[in-house]
Amino acid sequence: NKVTKVVMGGKTRLESVYNAMLACSSKADYVLVHDAARPFIEKEDIRRVYEMTKRYGCAAAGRRMTDTVKTLEGERIVSTLDRNTLAAVQTPQGADRSLLFAALKKAVDGNDPLVTDESSALEKIGAKPYLVECSPLNIKITANEDVFLAKALTEMRKDKCE
């Protein structure tokens, strides 16, 4: 009973979110985007992303990097990035509705292949999304081995709910 519209997706995440924005009510002040590949988001993390979106105009769930990250040329490592300045961004990602619409429209119109999420679209128009550190359990399920982790998390949460 909460679903009010179903919107046709696009060929890419960018196109899908843009299509959703076209269908979004002009009465909405803020929009949060969450992908189905991350089913273990915590309610508290969603709330914090929303609060920081309201405070800063745009925000994204994520985790600061703990791994050492390298730059490659082909299969060769050529440099090490400063992990203190890096984060792995997740969803949800939120923004002022009109700001996000402008960012996505520019990315769609320019067919920008470097825009892979809402934060990158926002960055392209000069916005600086606020990083909201979220649960490490907000995993993305994209590969077969992720399904194993997802099953374990499901069992863990099932025990927590009982």
C-alpha atoms as a PDB file:
ATOM      1  CA  ASN A   1       0.000   0.000   0.000  1.00  0.00           C
ATOM      2  CA  LYS A   2       3.053   2.324   0.050  1.00  0.00           C
ATOM      3  CA  VAL A   3       3.924   1.970  -3.632  1.00  0.00           C
ATOM      4  CA  THR A   4       2.416   4.908  -5.497  1.00  0.00           C
ATOM      5  CA  LYS A   5       4.126   4.514  -8.890  1.00  0.00           C
ATOM      6  CA  VAL A   6       6.116   1.992 -10.834  1.00  0.00           C
ATOM      7  CA  VAL A   7       8.634   3.579 -13.190  1.00  0.00           C
ATOM      8  CA  MET A   8      10.310   1.873 -16.146  1.00  0.00           C
ATOM      9  CA  GLY A   9      14.044   1.543 -15.598  1.00  0.00           C
ATOM     10  CA  GLY A  10      16.681   2.488 -18.120  1.00  0.00           C
ATOM     11  CA  LYS A  11      19.707   0.724 -19.591  1.00  0.00           C
ATOM     12  CA  THR A  12      21.912   2.104 -16.810  1.00  0.00           C
ATOM     13  CA  ARG A  13      21.515   3.138 -13.181  1.00  0.00           C
ATOM     14  CA  LEU A  14      21.797   6.753 -14.320  1.00  0.00           C
ATOM     15  CA  GLU A  15      18.902   6.387 -16.759  1.00  0.00           C
ATOM     16  CA  SER A  16      16.800   4.480 -14.216  1.00  0.00           C
ATOM     17  CA  VAL A  17      17.236   7.075 -11.483  1.00  0.00           C
ATOM     18  CA  TYR A  18      16.626   9.895 -13.970  1.00  0.00           C
ATOM     19  CA  ASN A  19      13.365   8.214 -15.033  1.00  0.00           C
ATOM     20  CA  ALA A  20      12.368   7.957 -11.372  1.00  0.00           C
ATOM     21  CA  MET A  21      13.178  11.628 -10.847  1.00  0.00           C
ATOM     22  CA  LEU A  22      10.922  12.562 -13.773  1.00  0.00           C
ATOM     23  CA  ALA A  23       8.093  10.762 -11.966  1.00  0.00           C
ATOM     24  CA  CYS A  24       8.958  12.212  -8.554  1.00  0.00           C
ATOM     25  CA  SER A  25       6.531  14.672  -7.005  1.00  0.00           C
ATOM     26  CA  SER A  26       7.583  18.311  -7.142  1.00  0.00           C
ATOM     27  CA  LYS A  27       6.360  18.468  -3.537  1.00  0.00           C
ATOM     28  CA  ALA A  28       9.295  16.317  -2.405  1.00  0.00           C
ATOM     29  CA  ASP A  29      12.091  18.398  -0.914  1.00  0.00           C
ATOM     30  CA  TYR A  30      14.633  15.566  -0.749  1.00  0.00           C
ATOM     31  CA  VAL A  31      15.204  12.265  -2.524  1.00  0.00           C
ATOM     32  CA  LEU A  32      17.072   9.186  -1.291  1.00  0.00           C
ATOM     33  CA  VAL A  33      18.179   6.582  -3.831  1.00  0.00           C
ATOM     34  CA  HIS A  34      18.850   3.023  -2.712  1.00  0.00           C
ATOM     35  CA  ASP A  35      19.710   0.127  -4.996  1.00  0.00           C
ATOM     36  CA  ALA A  36      18.320  -3.364  -4.614  1.00  0.00           C
ATOM     37  CA  ALA A  37      21.850  -4.792  -4.632  1.00  0.00           C
ATOM     38  CA  ARG A  38      22.260  -3.673  -0.982  1.00  0.00           C
ATOM     39  CA  PRO A  39      19.404  -5.329   0.937  1.00  0.00           C
ATOM     40  CA  PHE A  40      21.051  -5.175   4.381  1.00  0.00           C
ATOM     41  CA  ILE A  41      20.911  -1.436   4.998  1.00  0.00           C
ATOM     42  CA  GLU A  42      20.133  -0.529   8.607  1.00  0.00           C
ATOM     43  CA  LYS A  43      17.140   1.711   9.362  1.00  0.00           C
ATOM     44  CA  GLU A  44      19.399   3.959  11.453  1.00  0.00           C
ATOM     45  CA  ASP A  45      21.792   4.414   8.507  1.00  0.00           C
ATOM     46  CA  ILE A  46      18.899   5.495   6.256  1.00  0.00           C
ATOM     47  CA  ARG A  47      17.809   7.996   8.898  1.00  0.00           C
ATOM     48  CA  ARG A  48      21.331   9.428   9.215  1.00  0.00           C
ATOM     49  CA  VAL A  49      21.730   9.769   5.428  1.00  0.00           C
ATOM     50  CA  TYR A  50      18.401  11.611   5.335  1.00  0.00           C
ATOM     51  CA  GLU A  51      19.408  13.927   8.200  1.00  0.00           C
ATOM     52  CA  MET A  52      22.766  14.767   6.586  1.00  0.00           C
ATOM     53  CA  THR A  53      21.041  15.277   3.223  1.00  0.00           C
ATOM     54  CA  LYS A  54      18.777  17.861   4.853  1.00  0.00           C
ATOM     55  CA  ARG A  55      21.724  19.518   6.615  1.00  0.00           C
ATOM     56  CA  TYR A  56      24.227  19.592   3.708  1.00  0.00           C
ATOM     57  CA  GLY A  57      22.040  19.354   0.592  1.00  0.00           C
ATOM     58  CA  CYS A  58      23.437  15.959  -0.397  1.00  0.00           C
ATOM     59  CA  ALA A  59      24.890  12.917   1.361  1.00  0.00           C
ATOM     60  CA  ALA A  60      25.865   9.310   0.714  1.00  0.00           C
ATOM     61  CA  ALA A  61      26.301   6.172   2.774  1.00  0.00           C
ATOM     62  CA  GLY A  62      29.791   4.756   2.664  1.00  0.00           C
ATOM     63  CA  ARG A  63      32.859   3.467   4.436  1.00  0.00           C
ATOM     64  CA  ARG A  64      36.329   4.944   4.659  1.00  0.00           C
ATOM     65  CA  MET A  65      38.905   2.709   3.002  1.00  0.00           C
ATOM     66  CA  THR A  66      40.970   0.387   5.163  1.00  0.00           C
ATOM     67  CA  ASP A  67      42.531  -1.524   2.261  1.00  0.00           C
ATOM     68  CA  THR A  68      45.588  -0.198   0.478  1.00  0.00           C
ATOM     69  CA  VAL A  69      44.372   0.954  -2.946  1.00  0.00           C
ATOM     70  CA  LYS A  70      46.564   0.877  -6.050  1.00  0.00           C
ATOM     71  CA  THR A  71      46.468   2.503  -9.483  1.00  0.00           C
ATOM     72  CA  LEU A  72      46.977   0.109 -12.384  1.00  0.00           C
ATOM     73  CA  GLU A  73      48.297   0.297 -15.932  1.00  0.00           C
ATOM     74  CA  GLY A  74      47.025  -2.915 -17.449  1.00  0.00           C
ATOM     75  CA  GLU A  75      47.961  -5.594 -14.923  1.00  0.00           C
ATOM     76  CA  ARG A  76      50.842  -3.633 -13.398  1.00  0.00           C
ATOM     77  CA  ILE A  77      50.670  -1.662 -10.160  1.00  0.00           C
ATOM     78  CA  VAL A  78      52.068   1.824 -10.733  1.00  0.00           C
ATOM     79  CA  SER A  79      51.158   3.791  -7.602  1.00  0.00           C
ATOM     80  CA  THR A  80      49.497   3.729  -4.203  1.00  0.00           C
ATOM     81  CA  LEU A  81      46.641   6.073  -3.351  1.00  0.00           C
ATOM     82  CA  ASP A  82      46.307   7.730   0.053  1.00  0.00           C
ATOM     83  CA  ARG A  83      43.572   5.673   1.691  1.00  0.00           C
ATOM     84  CA  ASN A  84      43.008   8.467   4.222  1.00  0.00           C
ATOM     85  CA  THR A  85      41.369  10.442   1.411  1.00  0.00           C
ATOM     86  CA  LEU A  86      39.285   7.566  -0.012  1.00  0.00           C
ATOM     87  CA  ALA A  87      35.885   6.062   0.720  1.00  0.00           C
ATOM     88  CA  ALA A  88      33.795   3.275  -0.800  1.00  0.00           C
ATOM     89  CA  VAL A  89      30.417   4.873  -1.433  1.00  0.00           C
ATOM     90  CA  GLN A  90      27.243   2.839  -1.007  1.00  0.00           C
ATOM     91  CA  THR A  91      23.533   3.536  -0.992  1.00  0.00           C
ATOM     92  CA  PRO A  92      21.375   5.214   0.018  1.00  0.00           C
ATOM     93  CA  GLN A  93      22.508   8.461  -1.535  1.00  0.00           C
ATOM     94  CA  GLY A  94      20.392  11.540  -1.030  1.00  0.00           C
ATOM     95  CA  ALA A  95      20.060  15.090  -2.260  1.00  0.00           C
ATOM     96  CA  ASP A  96      17.821  18.077  -2.506  1.00  0.00           C
ATOM     97  CA  ARG A  97      15.363  17.028  -5.225  1.00  0.00           C
ATOM     98  CA  SER A  98      16.014  19.950  -7.582  1.00  0.00           C
ATOM     99  CA  LEU A  99      19.799  19.672  -7.120  1.00  0.00           C
ATOM    100  CA  LEU A 100      19.768  15.948  -7.889  1.00  0.00           C
ATOM    101  CA  PHE A 101      17.484  16.430 -10.883  1.00  0.00           C
ATOM    102  CA  ALA A 102      19.822  19.070 -12.339  1.00  0.00           C
ATOM    103  CA  ALA A 103      22.851  16.814 -11.804  1.00  0.00           C
ATOM    104  CA  LEU A 104      21.201  13.769 -13.374  1.00  0.00           C
ATOM    105  CA  LYS A 105      19.847  15.765 -16.325  1.00  0.00           C
ATOM    106  CA  LYS A 106      23.316  17.104 -17.103  1.00  0.00           C
ATOM    107  CA  ALA A 107      24.798  13.599 -16.894  1.00  0.00           C
ATOM    108  CA  VAL A 108      22.053  12.078 -19.083  1.00  0.00           C
ATOM    109  CA  ASP A 109      22.249  14.883 -21.645  1.00  0.00           C
ATOM    110  CA  GLY A 110      26.046  14.523 -21.774  1.00  0.00           C
ATOM    111  CA  ASN A 111      25.909  10.711 -21.808  1.00  0.00           C
ATOM    112  CA  ASP A 112      28.690  10.818 -19.196  1.00  0.00           C
ATOM    113  CA  PRO A 113      30.171   7.312 -18.684  1.00  0.00           C
ATOM    114  CA  LEU A 114      31.941   8.414 -15.481  1.00  0.00           C
ATOM    115  CA  VAL A 115      28.652   9.042 -13.689  1.00  0.00           C
ATOM    116  CA  THR A 116      28.008   5.697 -12.023  1.00  0.00           C
ATOM    117  CA  ASP A 117      26.012   6.930  -9.041  1.00  0.00           C
ATOM    118  CA  GLU A 118      24.169   9.982  -7.777  1.00  0.00           C
ATOM    119  CA  SER A 119      27.209  11.312  -5.914  1.00  0.00           C
ATOM    120  CA  SER A 120      29.320  11.374  -9.067  1.00  0.00           C
ATOM    121  CA  ALA A 121      26.537  13.252 -10.895  1.00  0.00           C
ATOM    122  CA  LEU A 122      26.376  15.756  -8.041  1.00  0.00           C
ATOM    123  CA  GLU A 123      30.170  16.161  -8.003  1.00  0.00           C
ATOM    124  CA  LYS A 124      30.109  17.035 -11.728  1.00  0.00           C
ATOM    125  CA  ILE A 125      27.990  20.112 -10.968  1.00  0.00           C
ATOM    126  CA  GLY A 126      30.166  21.199  -8.038  1.00  0.00           C
ATOM    127  CA  ALA A 127      28.269  19.660  -5.116  1.00  0.00           C
ATOM    128  CA  LYS A 128      30.198  17.867  -2.373  1.00  0.00           C
ATOM    129  CA  PRO A 129      28.106  15.077  -0.836  1.00  0.00           C
ATOM    130  CA  TYR A 130      28.600  14.444   2.868  1.00  0.00           C
ATOM    131  CA  LEU A 131      29.906  10.937   3.686  1.00  0.00           C
ATOM    132  CA  VAL A 132      27.760   9.121   6.254  1.00  0.00           C
ATOM    133  CA  GLU A 133      29.720   6.218   7.722  1.00  0.00           C
ATOM    134  CA  CYS A 134      27.385   3.231   7.659  1.00  0.00           C
ATOM    135  CA  SER A 135      27.306  -0.361   8.785  1.00  0.00           C
ATOM    136  CA  PRO A 136      29.901  -2.694   7.245  1.00  0.00           C
ATOM    137  CA  LEU A 137      27.008  -5.117   6.718  1.00  0.00           C
ATOM    138  CA  ASN A 138      25.586  -2.888   3.943  1.00  0.00           C
ATOM    139  CA  ILE A 139      27.157  -5.236   1.393  1.00  0.00           C
ATOM    140  CA  LYS A 140      26.523  -5.170  -2.334  1.00  0.00           C
ATOM    141  CA  ILE A 141      25.414  -8.455  -3.880  1.00  0.00           C
ATOM    142  CA  THR A 142      26.863  -8.661  -7.386  1.00  0.00           C
ATOM    143  CA  ALA A 143      28.874 -11.883  -7.582  1.00  0.00           C
ATOM    144  CA  ASN A 144      28.159 -15.511  -6.689  1.00  0.00           C
ATOM    145  CA  GLU A 145      30.362 -15.359  -3.584  1.00  0.00           C
ATOM    146  CA  ASP A 146      28.284 -12.416  -2.312  1.00  0.00           C
ATOM    147  CA  VAL A 147      25.255 -14.711  -2.135  1.00  0.00           C
ATOM    148  CA  PHE A 148      27.063 -16.840   0.468  1.00  0.00           C
ATOM    149  CA  LEU A 149      27.645 -13.742   2.628  1.00  0.00           C
ATOM    150  CA  ALA A 150      24.048 -12.613   2.094  1.00  0.00           C
ATOM    151  CA  LYS A 151      22.731 -15.973   3.318  1.00  0.00           C
ATOM    152  CA  ALA A 152      24.894 -15.733   6.427  1.00  0.00           C
ATOM    153  CA  LEU A 153      23.685 -12.176   7.112  1.00  0.00           C
ATOM    154  CA  THR A 154      20.083 -13.266   6.628  1.00  0.00           C
ATOM    155  CA  GLU A 155      20.534 -16.058   9.190  1.00  0.00           C
ATOM    156  CA  MET A 156      22.224 -13.662  11.599  1.00  0.00           C
ATOM    157  CA  ARG A 157      19.382 -11.144  11.296  1.00  0.00           C
ATOM    158  CA  LYS A 158      16.764 -13.874  11.612  1.00  0.00           C
ATOM    159  CA  ASP A 159      18.275 -14.870  14.962  1.00  0.00           C
ATOM    160  CA  LYS A 160      18.327 -11.207  16.025  1.00  0.00           C
ATOM    161  CA  CYS A 161      14.604 -10.820  15.237  1.00  0.00           C
ATOM    162  CA  GLU A 162      13.519 -13.886  17.220  1.00  0.00           C
END
